[in-house]
N, C-alpha and C. Protein backbone atom coordinates (compact mmCIF):
# COMPACT_ATOMS: atom_id res chain seq x y z
N MET A 1 20.80 -8.57 7.34
CA MET A 1 20.76 -7.79 6.11
C MET A 1 21.31 -6.42 6.51
N GLY A 2 22.15 -5.96 5.64
CA GLY A 2 22.69 -4.58 5.76
C GLY A 2 22.31 -3.65 4.68
N ILE A 3 22.70 -2.39 4.90
CA ILE A 3 22.36 -1.34 3.96
C ILE A 3 22.94 -1.67 2.57
N SER A 4 24.08 -2.43 2.55
CA SER A 4 24.78 -2.63 1.25
C SER A 4 23.84 -3.53 0.32
N ASN A 5 22.99 -4.28 0.87
CA ASN A 5 22.08 -5.16 0.13
C ASN A 5 21.08 -4.32 -0.59
N PHE A 6 20.78 -3.07 -0.09
CA PHE A 6 19.80 -2.30 -0.66
C PHE A 6 20.38 -1.16 -1.59
N GLN A 7 21.74 -1.28 -1.87
CA GLN A 7 22.37 -0.28 -2.75
C GLN A 7 21.75 -0.09 -4.14
N PRO A 8 21.24 -1.14 -4.83
CA PRO A 8 20.71 -1.02 -6.08
C PRO A 8 19.35 -0.15 -5.98
N ILE A 9 18.74 -0.13 -4.86
CA ILE A 9 17.57 0.68 -4.77
C ILE A 9 17.92 2.14 -4.51
N ILE A 10 18.78 2.38 -3.54
CA ILE A 10 19.12 3.77 -3.13
C ILE A 10 19.91 4.43 -4.27
N GLN A 11 20.56 3.61 -5.15
CA GLN A 11 21.35 4.22 -6.27
C GLN A 11 20.46 4.38 -7.50
N ALA A 12 19.24 3.98 -7.48
CA ALA A 12 18.38 4.21 -8.61
C ALA A 12 18.09 5.68 -8.84
N PRO A 13 17.99 6.11 -10.03
CA PRO A 13 17.73 7.53 -10.26
C PRO A 13 16.51 8.08 -9.50
N ASN A 14 16.63 9.20 -8.92
CA ASN A 14 15.61 9.98 -8.21
C ASN A 14 15.01 9.26 -6.91
N VAL A 15 15.72 8.31 -6.39
CA VAL A 15 15.32 7.70 -5.15
C VAL A 15 15.81 8.55 -3.99
N LEU A 16 15.04 8.94 -3.04
CA LEU A 16 15.33 9.74 -1.99
C LEU A 16 15.59 8.99 -0.70
N GLY A 17 15.01 7.90 -0.62
CA GLY A 17 15.21 7.10 0.64
C GLY A 17 14.46 5.87 0.67
N PHE A 18 14.58 4.92 1.61
CA PHE A 18 13.79 3.75 1.80
C PHE A 18 13.73 3.41 3.32
N VAL A 19 12.73 2.65 3.60
CA VAL A 19 12.51 2.16 4.98
C VAL A 19 11.95 0.75 4.94
N MET A 20 12.49 -0.07 5.74
CA MET A 20 11.93 -1.54 5.93
C MET A 20 11.42 -1.61 7.34
N CYS A 21 10.23 -1.92 7.56
CA CYS A 21 9.62 -2.07 8.93
C CYS A 21 9.11 -3.48 9.06
N SER A 22 9.25 -3.97 10.37
CA SER A 22 8.75 -5.32 10.73
C SER A 22 7.22 -5.22 10.86
N GLU A 23 6.61 -6.41 11.04
CA GLU A 23 5.13 -6.50 11.29
C GLU A 23 4.69 -5.63 12.48
N ALA A 24 5.53 -5.52 13.48
CA ALA A 24 5.28 -4.84 14.69
C ALA A 24 5.46 -3.29 14.49
N GLY A 25 6.07 -2.89 13.35
CA GLY A 25 6.27 -1.42 13.11
C GLY A 25 7.72 -1.00 13.41
N ASP A 26 8.54 -1.89 13.91
CA ASP A 26 9.88 -1.56 14.17
C ASP A 26 10.74 -1.30 12.90
N ILE A 27 11.55 -0.27 12.87
CA ILE A 27 12.35 0.00 11.72
C ILE A 27 13.55 -1.01 11.72
N ILE A 28 13.65 -1.72 10.64
CA ILE A 28 14.71 -2.70 10.44
C ILE A 28 15.85 -2.05 9.68
N GLU A 29 15.61 -1.30 8.68
CA GLU A 29 16.60 -0.67 7.85
C GLU A 29 16.04 0.60 7.31
N GLN A 30 16.91 1.68 7.15
CA GLN A 30 16.37 2.87 6.58
C GLN A 30 17.63 3.66 6.09
N GLU A 31 17.43 4.36 5.01
CA GLU A 31 18.49 5.25 4.56
C GLU A 31 17.87 6.29 3.64
N GLY A 32 18.50 7.46 3.59
CA GLY A 32 18.04 8.50 2.75
C GLY A 32 17.58 9.72 3.50
N SER A 33 17.40 10.84 2.83
CA SER A 33 17.01 12.15 3.38
C SER A 33 15.60 12.12 3.82
N GLU A 34 14.73 11.45 3.23
CA GLU A 34 13.26 11.45 3.53
C GLU A 34 12.83 10.21 4.27
N ALA A 35 13.80 9.34 4.73
CA ALA A 35 13.41 8.07 5.24
C ALA A 35 12.72 8.21 6.62
N ALA A 36 13.04 9.15 7.42
CA ALA A 36 12.40 9.29 8.76
C ALA A 36 10.93 9.62 8.68
N VAL A 37 10.59 10.53 7.65
CA VAL A 37 9.17 10.79 7.41
C VAL A 37 8.41 9.54 6.95
N LEU A 38 9.04 8.77 6.03
CA LEU A 38 8.33 7.60 5.58
C LEU A 38 8.24 6.52 6.61
N ALA A 39 9.17 6.38 7.46
CA ALA A 39 9.17 5.47 8.58
C ALA A 39 8.03 5.71 9.52
N SER A 40 7.74 6.97 9.77
CA SER A 40 6.60 7.36 10.72
C SER A 40 5.28 6.93 10.29
N VAL A 41 5.04 6.74 8.95
CA VAL A 41 3.74 6.44 8.47
C VAL A 41 3.65 5.02 7.78
N LEU A 42 4.71 4.35 7.61
CA LEU A 42 4.69 3.18 6.68
C LEU A 42 3.81 2.16 7.36
N THR A 43 4.01 1.81 8.63
CA THR A 43 3.32 0.79 9.35
C THR A 43 1.81 1.06 9.41
N TYR A 44 1.44 2.33 9.63
CA TYR A 44 0.04 2.67 9.59
C TYR A 44 -0.54 2.56 8.28
N PHE A 45 0.25 2.91 7.22
CA PHE A 45 -0.31 2.85 5.88
C PHE A 45 -0.59 1.36 5.49
N GLN A 46 0.36 0.49 5.92
CA GLN A 46 0.24 -1.03 5.72
C GLN A 46 -1.08 -1.50 6.34
N GLN A 47 -1.43 -1.08 7.52
CA GLN A 47 -2.63 -1.57 8.19
C GLN A 47 -3.79 -1.02 7.49
N ALA A 48 -3.76 0.32 7.08
CA ALA A 48 -4.88 0.91 6.42
C ALA A 48 -5.17 0.13 5.07
N ALA A 49 -3.97 -0.10 4.40
CA ALA A 49 -4.13 -0.75 3.02
C ALA A 49 -4.77 -2.10 3.23
N GLY A 50 -4.51 -2.83 4.24
CA GLY A 50 -5.09 -4.11 4.51
C GLY A 50 -6.53 -4.02 4.71
N ILE A 51 -7.01 -2.92 5.50
CA ILE A 51 -8.37 -2.82 5.70
C ILE A 51 -9.16 -2.36 4.49
N ILE A 52 -8.50 -1.50 3.73
CA ILE A 52 -9.16 -1.12 2.45
C ILE A 52 -9.23 -2.34 1.48
N GLY A 53 -8.20 -3.12 1.37
CA GLY A 53 -8.18 -4.29 0.59
C GLY A 53 -9.24 -5.21 0.96
N ASP A 54 -9.39 -5.51 2.26
CA ASP A 54 -10.45 -6.38 2.80
C ASP A 54 -11.85 -5.83 2.38
N SER A 55 -12.09 -4.58 2.42
CA SER A 55 -13.36 -3.95 2.16
C SER A 55 -13.76 -4.11 0.71
N PHE A 56 -12.66 -4.26 -0.21
CA PHE A 56 -12.98 -4.48 -1.66
C PHE A 56 -12.89 -6.00 -1.99
N GLY A 57 -12.67 -6.85 -1.03
CA GLY A 57 -12.57 -8.22 -1.26
C GLY A 57 -11.26 -8.68 -1.85
N LEU A 58 -10.22 -7.90 -1.72
CA LEU A 58 -8.90 -8.27 -2.26
C LEU A 58 -8.26 -9.16 -1.21
N GLU A 59 -7.46 -10.17 -1.66
CA GLU A 59 -6.92 -11.13 -0.90
C GLU A 59 -5.90 -10.54 0.05
N ASP A 60 -5.03 -9.80 -0.47
CA ASP A 60 -3.92 -9.19 0.29
C ASP A 60 -3.35 -8.00 -0.49
N PHE A 61 -2.66 -7.21 0.27
CA PHE A 61 -1.98 -5.93 -0.12
C PHE A 61 -0.76 -6.34 -0.97
N GLN A 62 -0.62 -5.92 -2.22
CA GLN A 62 0.54 -6.27 -3.01
C GLN A 62 1.40 -5.14 -3.21
N GLU A 63 0.90 -3.89 -3.44
CA GLU A 63 1.69 -2.77 -3.80
C GLU A 63 0.72 -1.51 -3.67
N ALA A 64 1.31 -0.41 -3.24
CA ALA A 64 0.57 0.81 -3.22
C ALA A 64 1.53 1.94 -3.68
N GLN A 65 0.91 2.90 -4.39
CA GLN A 65 1.72 4.03 -4.91
C GLN A 65 0.90 5.27 -4.48
N ILE A 66 1.71 6.20 -3.88
CA ILE A 66 1.08 7.41 -3.36
C ILE A 66 1.77 8.53 -4.09
N GLN A 67 1.04 9.40 -4.83
CA GLN A 67 1.71 10.34 -5.67
C GLN A 67 1.28 11.78 -5.33
N SER A 68 2.20 12.68 -5.21
CA SER A 68 1.81 14.07 -5.07
C SER A 68 2.63 14.80 -6.19
N LYS A 69 2.63 16.17 -6.17
CA LYS A 69 3.29 16.87 -7.28
C LYS A 69 4.78 16.72 -7.12
N SER A 70 5.36 16.62 -5.87
CA SER A 70 6.82 16.59 -5.89
C SER A 70 7.36 15.19 -5.40
N LEU A 71 6.55 14.29 -4.86
CA LEU A 71 7.01 13.05 -4.36
C LEU A 71 6.16 11.92 -4.84
N THR A 72 6.71 10.67 -4.92
CA THR A 72 5.97 9.49 -5.06
C THR A 72 6.43 8.51 -4.03
N VAL A 73 5.53 7.70 -3.40
CA VAL A 73 5.91 6.73 -2.46
C VAL A 73 5.46 5.39 -2.95
N LEU A 74 6.33 4.43 -2.92
CA LEU A 74 5.95 3.04 -3.25
C LEU A 74 6.05 2.17 -2.05
N CYS A 75 4.99 1.44 -1.67
CA CYS A 75 4.91 0.67 -0.57
C CYS A 75 4.65 -0.82 -0.98
N VAL A 76 5.39 -1.78 -0.47
CA VAL A 76 5.16 -3.21 -0.72
C VAL A 76 5.32 -3.98 0.54
N PRO A 77 4.53 -5.05 0.70
CA PRO A 77 4.62 -5.94 1.88
C PRO A 77 5.96 -6.77 1.74
N HIS A 78 6.57 -7.02 2.91
CA HIS A 78 7.73 -7.83 2.83
C HIS A 78 7.86 -8.56 4.22
N LYS A 79 7.71 -9.93 4.13
CA LYS A 79 7.93 -10.79 5.23
C LYS A 79 7.13 -10.37 6.46
N GLY A 80 5.85 -10.02 6.30
CA GLY A 80 4.99 -9.64 7.37
C GLY A 80 5.00 -8.17 7.67
N GLY A 81 6.06 -7.49 7.21
CA GLY A 81 6.24 -6.01 7.41
C GLY A 81 5.91 -5.24 6.17
N ALA A 82 6.64 -4.25 5.96
CA ALA A 82 6.54 -3.42 4.73
C ALA A 82 7.85 -2.80 4.41
N PHE A 83 7.95 -2.52 3.09
CA PHE A 83 9.15 -1.88 2.54
C PHE A 83 8.59 -0.63 1.75
N GLY A 84 9.09 0.47 2.07
CA GLY A 84 8.67 1.69 1.38
C GLY A 84 9.89 2.53 0.83
N VAL A 85 9.62 3.07 -0.43
CA VAL A 85 10.66 3.89 -1.09
C VAL A 85 10.00 5.23 -1.40
N ILE A 86 10.73 6.28 -1.11
CA ILE A 86 10.29 7.59 -1.43
C ILE A 86 11.10 8.17 -2.56
N LEU A 87 10.36 8.68 -3.55
CA LEU A 87 10.97 9.02 -4.87
C LEU A 87 10.59 10.50 -5.19
N SER A 88 11.42 11.03 -6.00
CA SER A 88 11.00 12.38 -6.65
C SER A 88 9.91 12.06 -7.61
N SER A 89 9.10 13.09 -7.94
CA SER A 89 8.04 12.86 -8.92
C SER A 89 8.49 12.48 -10.33
N ARG A 90 9.79 12.75 -10.58
CA ARG A 90 10.30 12.56 -11.98
C ARG A 90 10.77 10.97 -12.13
N THR A 91 10.57 10.22 -11.10
CA THR A 91 10.96 8.77 -11.22
C THR A 91 10.23 7.97 -12.13
N LYS A 92 10.77 7.06 -12.85
CA LYS A 92 10.09 6.06 -13.56
C LYS A 92 9.72 4.94 -12.72
N ILE A 93 8.54 5.00 -12.12
CA ILE A 93 7.99 4.16 -11.01
C ILE A 93 8.26 2.61 -11.39
N ASN A 94 7.91 2.28 -12.64
CA ASN A 94 8.00 0.82 -12.93
C ASN A 94 9.39 0.39 -12.89
N GLU A 95 10.39 1.14 -13.29
CA GLU A 95 11.77 0.81 -13.09
C GLU A 95 12.18 0.49 -11.61
N VAL A 96 11.86 1.49 -10.78
CA VAL A 96 12.11 1.28 -9.35
C VAL A 96 11.37 0.08 -8.74
N THR A 97 10.23 -0.05 -9.20
CA THR A 97 9.38 -1.25 -8.63
C THR A 97 10.13 -2.48 -9.00
N SER A 98 10.61 -2.63 -10.18
CA SER A 98 11.25 -3.84 -10.60
C SER A 98 12.54 -4.02 -9.73
N ILE A 99 13.22 -3.02 -9.58
CA ILE A 99 14.53 -3.11 -8.73
C ILE A 99 14.13 -3.56 -7.28
N VAL A 100 13.14 -2.90 -6.66
CA VAL A 100 12.70 -3.24 -5.32
C VAL A 100 12.25 -4.65 -5.30
N ARG A 101 11.53 -5.22 -6.24
CA ARG A 101 11.10 -6.58 -6.19
C ARG A 101 12.33 -7.56 -6.34
N GLN A 102 13.23 -7.18 -7.11
CA GLN A 102 14.48 -8.07 -7.26
C GLN A 102 15.24 -8.02 -5.98
N VAL A 103 15.49 -6.97 -5.35
CA VAL A 103 16.27 -6.94 -4.21
C VAL A 103 15.53 -7.67 -3.07
N LEU A 104 14.16 -7.39 -2.86
CA LEU A 104 13.48 -8.07 -1.81
C LEU A 104 13.36 -9.54 -2.01
N ALA A 105 13.42 -10.07 -3.27
CA ALA A 105 13.39 -11.47 -3.50
C ALA A 105 14.59 -12.21 -2.93
N THR A 106 15.63 -11.54 -2.76
CA THR A 106 16.86 -12.12 -2.23
C THR A 106 17.09 -11.75 -0.74
N ALA A 107 16.28 -10.88 -0.23
CA ALA A 107 16.44 -10.45 1.17
C ALA A 107 15.78 -11.43 2.17
């Protein structure tokens, strides 16, 4: 899988970058100005989300959104690992989520 497969994501309005990590936490793909920051925490976030989900009796982690005043992060599981997208706060998160799910379905 190459970066070109992820062009619909990186070209979406207000997307700053993305990272795909394996289950072991290795970076498989990344692109964008904020991708390095996201890569450093994505695997840990995935583990924490699993623990939080277990404590609430949720079967598995499906999606998480983290929002601040200036940034939004979307995290979704993918093939045992995780895929994260960092966005400006002006982003229409539902539109980007739809694009991410379409791209990951073919990945």
